[in-house]
Protein backbone atom coordinates (compact mmCIF):
# COMPACT_ATOMS: atom_id res chain seq x y z
CA MET A 1 61.99 54.89 167.26
CA ALA A 2 59.46 57.43 169.64
CA SER A 3 56.16 57.18 168.78
CA PRO A 4 53.11 57.37 170.74
CA ARG A 5 51.60 53.97 169.09
CA LEU A 6 54.39 52.27 170.90
CA GLU A 7 52.45 52.90 174.23
CA THR A 8 49.62 52.37 172.26
CA TYR A 9 50.21 48.34 171.31
CA CYS A 10 50.86 47.89 175.09
CA CYS A 11 46.93 48.09 174.60
CA PRO A 12 45.24 44.49 173.95
CA ASN A 13 42.31 45.96 172.35
CA ARG A 14 44.54 48.39 170.13
CA ASP A 15 43.21 50.38 167.13
CA ALA A 16 43.40 48.64 163.78
CA ALA A 17 45.56 51.79 162.42
CA THR A 18 48.32 50.85 165.24
CA GLN A 19 47.51 46.82 164.78
CA LEU A 20 48.93 47.55 160.87
CA VAL A 21 51.83 49.41 160.94
CA MET A 22 52.96 46.89 164.63
CA ASP A 23 52.25 43.75 162.43
CA PHE A 24 54.15 45.08 159.13
CA GLN A 25 57.41 43.14 159.14
CA PRO A 26 58.21 43.52 162.84
CA GLU A 27 61.45 41.41 162.09
CA VAL A 28 62.81 44.29 159.89
CA PHE A 29 61.28 46.93 161.87
CA CYS A 30 63.41 46.33 165.18
CA GLY A 31 65.80 45.45 163.10
CA VAL A 32 66.50 48.74 161.55
CA CYS A 33 65.24 50.37 165.03
CA ILE A 34 68.49 48.22 166.33
CA GLY A 35 70.99 48.99 163.48
CA SER A 36 70.20 52.76 163.91
CA ALA A 37 70.18 53.42 167.37
CA SER A 38 73.91 51.52 167.67
CA ILE A 39 75.24 53.21 164.99
CA SER A 40 74.02 56.57 166.34
CA LEU A 41 74.80 55.95 169.99
CA LEU A 42 78.56 54.63 168.75
CA LEU A 43 79.24 57.82 166.38
CA THR A 44 77.52 59.94 169.33
CA ILE A 45 80.18 58.90 171.97
CA LEU A 46 82.91 59.15 169.28
CA GLN A 47 81.56 62.70 168.79
CA LEU A 48 81.90 63.70 172.37
CA LEU A 49 84.64 62.04 173.58
CA PRO A 50 88.01 64.28 173.78
CA LYS A 51 90.28 64.30 170.86
CA LYS A 52 94.01 63.93 170.73
CA GLY A 53 95.85 67.30 169.86
CA GLN A 54 93.34 69.31 171.49
CA SER A 55 94.72 72.40 173.04
CA LEU A 56 95.40 71.93 176.89
CA ARG A 57 93.15 75.45 178.44
CA LYS A 58 92.21 76.15 182.11
CA MET A 59 88.37 76.26 181.62
CA PRO A 60 86.80 77.21 184.79
CA LYS A 61 83.28 76.14 183.84
CA ALA A 62 80.86 75.99 180.86
CA SER A 63 78.22 78.21 179.83
CA SER A 64 74.39 77.51 180.18
CA SER A 65 74.44 76.82 176.01
CA SER A 66 76.93 74.01 175.91
CA THR A 67 75.87 72.53 179.49
CA ILE A 68 72.35 72.94 177.22
CA LEU A 69 73.68 71.09 174.74
CA LEU A 70 75.61 68.06 176.32
CA LEU A 71 72.17 67.64 177.84
CA ILE A 72 70.56 66.97 174.53
CA SER A 73 72.94 64.54 173.34
CA ILE A 74 72.38 62.60 176.54
CA CYS A 75 68.76 62.41 176.40
CA ASP A 76 69.64 60.99 172.97
CA ILE A 77 71.57 58.55 174.00
CA LEU A 78 69.56 57.28 176.96
CA GLY A 79 66.82 57.31 174.77
CA GLY A 80 68.53 55.35 171.68
CA LEU A 81 69.35 52.66 174.08
CA GLY A 82 65.56 52.21 175.17
CA VAL A 83 65.33 51.86 171.45
CA ILE A 84 67.96 49.20 171.74
CA VAL A 85 66.67 46.94 174.55
CA ARG A 86 62.76 47.25 173.23
CA SER A 87 63.49 46.14 169.98
CA SER A 88 66.22 42.88 171.05
CA ILE A 89 63.40 41.97 173.31
CA TRP A 90 60.96 42.02 170.53
CA LEU A 91 62.93 40.62 168.12
CA GLY A 92 64.72 38.17 170.33
CA PHE A 93 61.40 36.72 172.43
CA PRO A 94 58.33 37.06 170.09
CA GLY A 95 56.57 34.94 172.35
CA PHE A 96 57.37 37.17 175.38
CA ILE A 97 55.69 40.36 173.14
CA ALA A 98 52.55 38.40 172.11
CA ASN A 99 51.06 37.67 175.59
CA ILE A 100 50.44 41.26 175.23
CA SER A 101 47.12 40.91 172.60
CA VAL A 102 45.97 38.20 175.37
CA VAL A 103 43.31 40.40 176.74
CA ASN A 104 42.26 38.08 180.33
CA GLY A 105 46.15 36.75 180.25
CA THR A 106 47.75 36.44 184.00
CA ASP A 107 51.49 37.42 183.05
CA VAL A 108 52.11 40.85 183.62
CA TRP A 109 55.49 41.40 182.70
CA PRO A 110 55.11 41.36 178.58
CA SER A 111 52.82 45.01 179.30
CA ALA A 112 55.23 45.94 182.19
CA PHE A 113 57.65 45.90 180.04
CA CYS A 114 56.18 47.57 177.17
CA VAL A 115 54.73 50.42 179.16
CA GLY A 116 57.89 50.36 181.12
CA SER A 117 60.03 50.84 177.65
CA ALA A 118 57.45 52.82 175.88
CA MET A 119 57.69 55.32 178.69
CA TRP A 120 61.13 55.28 178.81
CA ILE A 121 62.08 56.22 175.42
CA GLN A 122 59.27 58.77 175.17
CA LEU A 123 60.26 60.68 178.00
CA LEU A 124 63.84 60.77 177.20
CA TYR A 125 63.10 62.09 173.43
CA SER A 126 60.41 64.25 174.90
CA ALA A 127 62.77 65.70 177.50
CA GLY A 128 65.32 66.19 174.63
CA PHE A 129 62.37 68.49 172.98
CA TRP A 130 62.35 70.32 175.86
CA TRP A 131 65.77 71.21 176.37
CA LEU A 132 66.16 72.00 172.83
CA PHE A 133 63.67 74.92 173.09
CA CYS A 134 65.59 75.76 176.25
CA TYR A 135 68.41 76.04 173.99
CA ALA A 136 66.95 78.84 172.03
CA VAL A 137 65.21 80.46 174.99
CA ASP A 138 68.84 80.73 176.52
CA SER A 139 70.62 81.65 173.14
CA TYR A 140 67.94 84.70 172.83
CA LEU A 141 68.37 85.73 176.80
CA VAL A 142 72.21 84.86 176.12
CA VAL A 143 72.54 87.48 173.66
CA ARG A 144 70.35 90.11 175.66
CA ARG A 145 72.70 89.81 178.92
CA SER A 146 69.57 87.95 180.69
CA ALA A 147 71.07 84.63 181.29
CA GLY A 148 73.83 82.37 182.18
CA LEU A 149 74.80 79.22 184.44
CA SER A 150 72.13 80.51 186.98
CA THR A 151 69.23 80.42 184.73
CA ILE A 152 70.31 76.41 184.48
CA VAL A 153 68.29 75.26 187.70
CA LEU A 154 65.38 76.73 186.15
CA TYR A 155 65.71 74.79 182.72
CA HIS A 156 66.01 71.52 184.58
CA MET A 157 62.95 71.88 186.59
CA MET A 158 60.95 73.24 183.51
CA THR A 159 62.54 70.68 181.25
CA TRP A 160 61.70 67.36 183.79
CA GLY A 161 59.11 68.41 185.26
CA LEU A 162 56.98 69.27 182.13
CA ALA A 163 58.57 66.35 180.64
CA VAL A 164 57.43 63.97 183.51
CA MET A 165 54.11 65.62 184.10
CA LEU A 166 52.90 65.20 180.39
CA CYS A 167 54.47 61.74 179.95
CA VAL A 168 52.67 60.57 183.27
CA GLU A 169 49.57 62.29 182.33
CA GLY A 170 49.34 60.98 178.88
CA ILE A 171 49.90 57.52 179.75
CA ALA A 172 47.15 57.77 182.27
CA LEU A 173 44.42 58.77 180.42
CA LEU A 174 45.44 56.69 177.48
CA TYR A 175 45.06 53.43 180.17
CA TYR A 176 42.37 54.68 182.54
CA PRO A 177 40.15 53.00 183.93
CA SER A 178 42.76 49.67 182.93
CA LEU A 179 45.22 48.44 180.50
CA SER A 180 42.71 45.88 178.91
CA SER A 181 40.15 48.70 177.92
CA CYS A 182 42.13 51.42 177.36
CA GLU A 183 41.38 51.51 173.08
CA LYS A 184 37.53 51.48 173.23
CA GLY A 185 37.54 54.85 172.14
CA LEU A 186 39.52 58.25 170.73
CA GLU A 187 38.59 59.71 173.67
CA HIS A 188 41.39 57.79 175.46
CA ALA A 189 43.95 58.32 172.62
CA ILE A 190 43.99 61.74 171.59
CA PRO A 191 44.84 63.14 174.72
CA HIS A 192 47.98 60.88 174.89
CA TYR A 193 48.97 61.65 170.96
CA ILE A 194 48.53 65.61 171.93
CA THR A 195 50.66 65.34 175.64
CA THR A 196 53.26 63.41 173.35
CA TYR A 197 53.62 65.74 170.43
CA VAL A 198 53.13 69.41 172.21
CA PRO A 199 56.94 69.99 173.13
CA LEU A 200 57.58 68.53 169.14
CA LEU A 201 55.28 71.25 167.90
CA LEU A 202 56.56 74.08 170.26
CA VAL A 203 60.35 72.97 168.89
CA LEU A 204 59.09 73.45 165.36
CA VAL A 205 57.19 76.18 165.43
CA VAL A 206 58.56 78.69 168.40
CA ASN A 207 61.63 77.66 168.07
CA PRO A 208 62.68 79.51 164.27
CA ILE A 209 61.32 82.27 165.83
CA LEU A 210 63.83 82.97 169.08
CA PHE A 211 66.53 81.56 166.97
CA ARG A 212 65.58 84.79 164.28
CA ARG A 213 65.46 86.68 167.13
CA THR A 214 68.71 86.14 168.06
CA VAL A 215 70.29 86.44 164.99
CA SER A 216 69.22 89.87 164.65
CA ALA A 217 70.32 90.59 167.95
CA VAL A 218 73.92 89.04 167.51
CA ALA A 219 74.05 92.05 164.63
CA SER A 220 72.98 94.89 166.63
CA LEU A 221 75.59 93.74 169.43
CA LEU A 222 78.30 93.18 166.62
CA LYS A 223 77.27 96.80 165.04
CA GLY A 224 77.19 98.63 168.79
CA ARG A 225 80.84 97.61 169.66
CA GLN A 226 82.46 99.68 167.10
CA GLY A 227 79.53 101.59 165.49
CA ILE A 228 80.26 99.76 162.01
CA TYR A 229 79.62 96.62 160.69
CA THR A 230 82.65 94.86 158.74
CA GLU A 231 83.03 91.63 156.89
CA ASN A 232 84.49 89.98 159.50
CA GLU A 233 81.83 90.69 161.99
CA ARG A 234 79.14 90.12 159.16
CA ARG A 235 80.84 86.60 159.13
CA LEU A 236 80.56 85.76 162.55
CA GLY A 237 76.72 86.56 162.41
CA THR A 238 76.51 84.26 159.35
CA GLU A 239 78.49 81.47 161.45
CA ILE A 240 75.81 81.74 163.99
CA GLN A 241 73.06 81.59 161.52
CA ILE A 242 73.83 78.65 159.87
CA ARG A 243 74.63 76.76 163.45
CA PHE A 244 71.04 77.69 164.30
CA PHE A 245 69.38 76.63 160.81
CA LYS A 246 71.30 73.02 160.52
CA ILE A 247 69.59 72.42 163.67
CA MET A 248 66.46 72.93 163.00
CA LEU A 249 67.02 71.47 159.95
CA VAL A 250 68.24 68.06 161.38
CA PHE A 251 64.85 68.18 163.85
CA VAL A 252 62.62 68.47 161.02
CA ILE A 253 64.66 65.70 159.14
CA CYS A 254 63.96 63.29 161.80
CA TRP A 255 60.52 63.95 163.17
CA SER A 256 59.00 65.35 160.17
CA SER A 257 58.12 61.75 159.32
CA ASN A 258 56.42 60.92 162.91
CA ILE A 259 53.84 63.52 161.67
CA ILE A 260 53.15 62.83 158.61
CA ASN A 261 52.90 59.21 159.81
CA GLU A 262 50.23 60.05 162.85
CA ILE A 263 48.43 62.00 160.64
CA LEU A 264 48.23 59.33 157.77
CA LEU A 265 46.72 56.44 160.92
CA PHE A 266 44.23 58.80 162.62
CA TYR A 267 42.75 58.99 159.21
CA LEU A 268 42.96 55.42 158.71
CA GLU A 269 41.08 55.42 162.37
CA MET A 270 38.17 57.30 161.07
CA GLN A 271 37.24 55.13 158.12
CA PRO A 272 34.94 52.03 158.84
CA ASP A 273 36.90 49.87 156.99
CA ILE A 274 40.85 50.53 157.07
CA ASN A 275 41.26 47.62 154.36
CA GLU A 276 39.23 49.26 151.38
CA MET A 277 41.34 49.06 148.42
CA ILE A 278 40.72 52.71 147.92
CA LEU A 279 42.80 53.13 151.13
CA LYS A 280 45.82 51.47 149.54
CA ASN A 281 48.19 54.11 148.82
CA ILE A 282 47.29 55.53 152.26
CA ARG A 283 48.09 52.22 154.09
CA SER A 284 51.33 52.26 151.81
CA ALA A 285 52.14 55.68 152.96
CA ALA A 286 51.89 54.90 156.35
CA LEU A 287 53.61 51.74 156.64
CA ILE A 288 56.90 53.84 154.40
CA THR A 289 57.01 56.56 156.95
CA TRP A 290 56.65 53.90 159.64
CA ILE A 291 60.36 52.77 158.51
CA ILE A 292 61.86 55.27 157.89
CA MET A 293 60.45 56.66 161.67
CA GLY A 294 62.91 53.69 162.67
CA VAL A 295 65.83 54.92 160.58
CA LEU A 296 65.54 58.85 161.45
CA ASN A 297 64.11 58.79 164.79
CA PRO A 298 67.28 57.45 166.56
CA MET A 299 70.00 59.49 164.38
CA GLN A 300 68.93 62.36 165.89
CA GLY A 301 71.91 62.04 168.68
CA PHE A 302 74.83 61.70 165.87
CA LEU A 303 73.32 64.09 163.54
CA PHE A 304 72.95 66.87 166.27
CA THR A 305 76.32 66.42 167.49
CA LEU A 306 77.15 67.31 163.78
CA ALA A 307 75.06 70.48 163.75
CA PHE A 308 76.41 71.38 167.48
CA TYR A 309 80.39 71.12 167.09
CA GLY A 310 80.67 69.61 163.16
CA TRP A 311 82.88 66.55 162.67
CA THR A 312 85.54 66.09 165.70
CA GLY A 313 87.32 63.42 164.54
CA CYS A 314 88.32 59.78 165.21
CA ARG A 315 91.49 60.36 167.40
CA VAL A 316 90.25 59.54 170.59
CA ASP A 317 92.33 60.74 173.73
CA LEU A 318 91.63 58.24 177.08
CA LYS A 319 94.15 59.81 178.73
CA TRP A 320 92.44 60.82 182.16
CA ARG A 321 94.07 64.60 182.40
CA LYS A 322 91.30 67.58 182.59
CA ARG A 323 91.36 69.13 178.64
CA GLU A 324 89.30 71.23 176.88
CA ILE A 325 86.32 69.12 175.40
CA PRO A 326 84.09 70.72 172.03
CA TRP A 327 81.24 72.17 173.75
CA GLU A 328 83.07 73.78 176.42
CA SER A 329 82.83 77.80 176.17
CA MET A 330 85.74 79.44 175.34
CA SER A 331 83.81 82.88 176.44
CA SER A 332 84.45 81.50 180.08
CA SER A 333 88.24 81.39 180.14
CA THR A 334 88.23 85.49 180.02
CA ALA A 335 88.33 84.69 183.92
CA GLY A 336 91.47 86.25 185.10
CA GLU A 337 92.66 87.83 181.40
CA ASN A 338 91.89 90.21 179.38
CA ALA A 339 88.63 91.20 177.66
CA TYR A 340 88.80 89.93 174.00
CA PRO A 341 89.98 92.69 171.44
CA SER A 342 87.81 93.66 169.11
CA PRO A 343 88.34 92.21 165.40
CA VAL A 344 87.87 95.17 163.70
CA ASN A 345 91.62 95.73 162.68
CA TYR A 346 92.74 93.09 164.86
CA GLN A 347 96.45 92.94 163.45
CA SER A 348 96.86 96.89 163.39
CA ASN A 349 94.73 97.75 166.45
CA LEU A 350 95.46 95.17 169.14
CA HIS A 351 97.29 97.85 171.27
CA ASP A 352 94.48 100.38 171.34
CA SER A 353 91.54 97.74 171.70
CA LYS A 354 93.18 95.87 174.67
CA LYS A 355 93.37 99.86 176.25
CA ALA A 356 89.57 100.72 175.50
CA SER A 357 88.46 97.13 176.46
CA SER A 358 85.32 97.40 179.24
CA THR A 359 82.91 95.61 180.55
CA ASP A 360 80.06 95.78 178.27
CA SER A 361 82.22 94.89 175.20
CA GLN A 362 83.35 91.95 177.43
CA GLN A 363 79.87 90.81 178.21
CA THR A 364 79.54 91.43 173.82
CA ASP A 365 82.25 88.87 173.03
CA GLU A 366 81.30 86.16 176.00
CA ALA A 367 78.12 86.02 174.56
CA ILE A 368 78.81 85.74 170.76
CA GLY A 369 80.99 83.25 171.55
CA MET A 370 78.87 81.09 173.86
CA LEU A 371 76.74 80.91 170.50
CA SER A 372 79.34 80.43 168.11
CA GLU A 373 81.29 77.50 171.06
CA GLY A 374 82.02 74.21 169.43
CA ASN A 375 81.70 75.34 165.54
CA THR A 376 85.38 74.38 163.60
CA SER A 377 83.36 75.10 160.54
CA GLY A 378 84.47 79.15 159.89
CA ASP A 379 86.54 80.70 157.40
CA ASP A 380 90.36 80.70 158.32
CA ARG A 381 90.74 84.23 157.37
CA LEU A 382 87.66 84.60 160.01
CA THR A 383 89.60 82.38 162.53
CA ARG A 384 92.76 84.47 162.20
CA SER A 385 91.10 87.55 162.50
CA SER A 386 88.68 87.60 164.97
CA PRO A 387 89.37 86.31 168.68
CA ILE A 388 85.66 84.83 169.43
CA TYR A 389 87.39 82.11 167.16
CA GLN A 390 90.91 81.99 168.56
CA GLY A 391 91.77 78.68 170.43
CA TRP A 392 89.22 76.39 168.52
């Protein structure tokens, strides 16, 4: 799981709320984290591997949006590995972790492992949040024809730069002036929690706005190609809208428990005694959401692949040869080929559409193709009638 409480636990003089959740059934909690992260890791890799029976096509390069989706999955895989390693050490060597509680202990390795593993998990999931934000920005810019593969360098600089900067800054403020005195006041912890939850809240607030604007822009593009808005084009717009909805739904499901848990724990920290009977329900809710976090946070990787590509099947092709993989953009295959014909009256007007194709129409189809790539849940009739779906 990914929580700033993991870094706080590395402080020997940690606060009572952090002590409460970390001491609650640690063996069960670590087992839940290992199981959830392992299942998500295996299924995510299975989703991303090329499958038998996929059509071979010459794909010069993937689009920026498909590259971002792949990077999000990689961040989730690496973050899940960190969860597995950390939880395995905590579960297998309880005496090693117990040394963290010794304020004047001479063994620095337990604290170093605690801080290092917590930073690894936090950094990778935070980078995934920034990449998800970049995906929303890129989707909007692609429709506006203001983005492409050249912008991926800027996304890398923004994502990794901000993720590293916020992570290091939060850790430095938390452990100042030393690891043994990092939890003597909320002035140390609050900046750390803010830097941790900024990218998460950014995705929750800004991404739905960008997705909504992108869907509106797609509708305008579809209308502009022929001056009318047919049933096929309406379905295509709906498919893109559903895809964005699935992405946000997965994100809310996986991370809303973190926000609720943090609010409850901060409320407990403000109380003079968190063990009072009147706070029993609050403590129970905090412990329940803590376990839920251990299940849902690592599962984000697999759930995102379902939202991105749908279920891609289990028939893995391990032969080493160039083949199309689910996240590659079909729009890039237009290089050296004719532009996509219009989906309006496709069967009867194919010849006239090819003659009337233009650079503007090709860019429109490429933009929409990038947004709809990898989706395999479309209506069969739409698949046959719309060239954007050809080859799925």
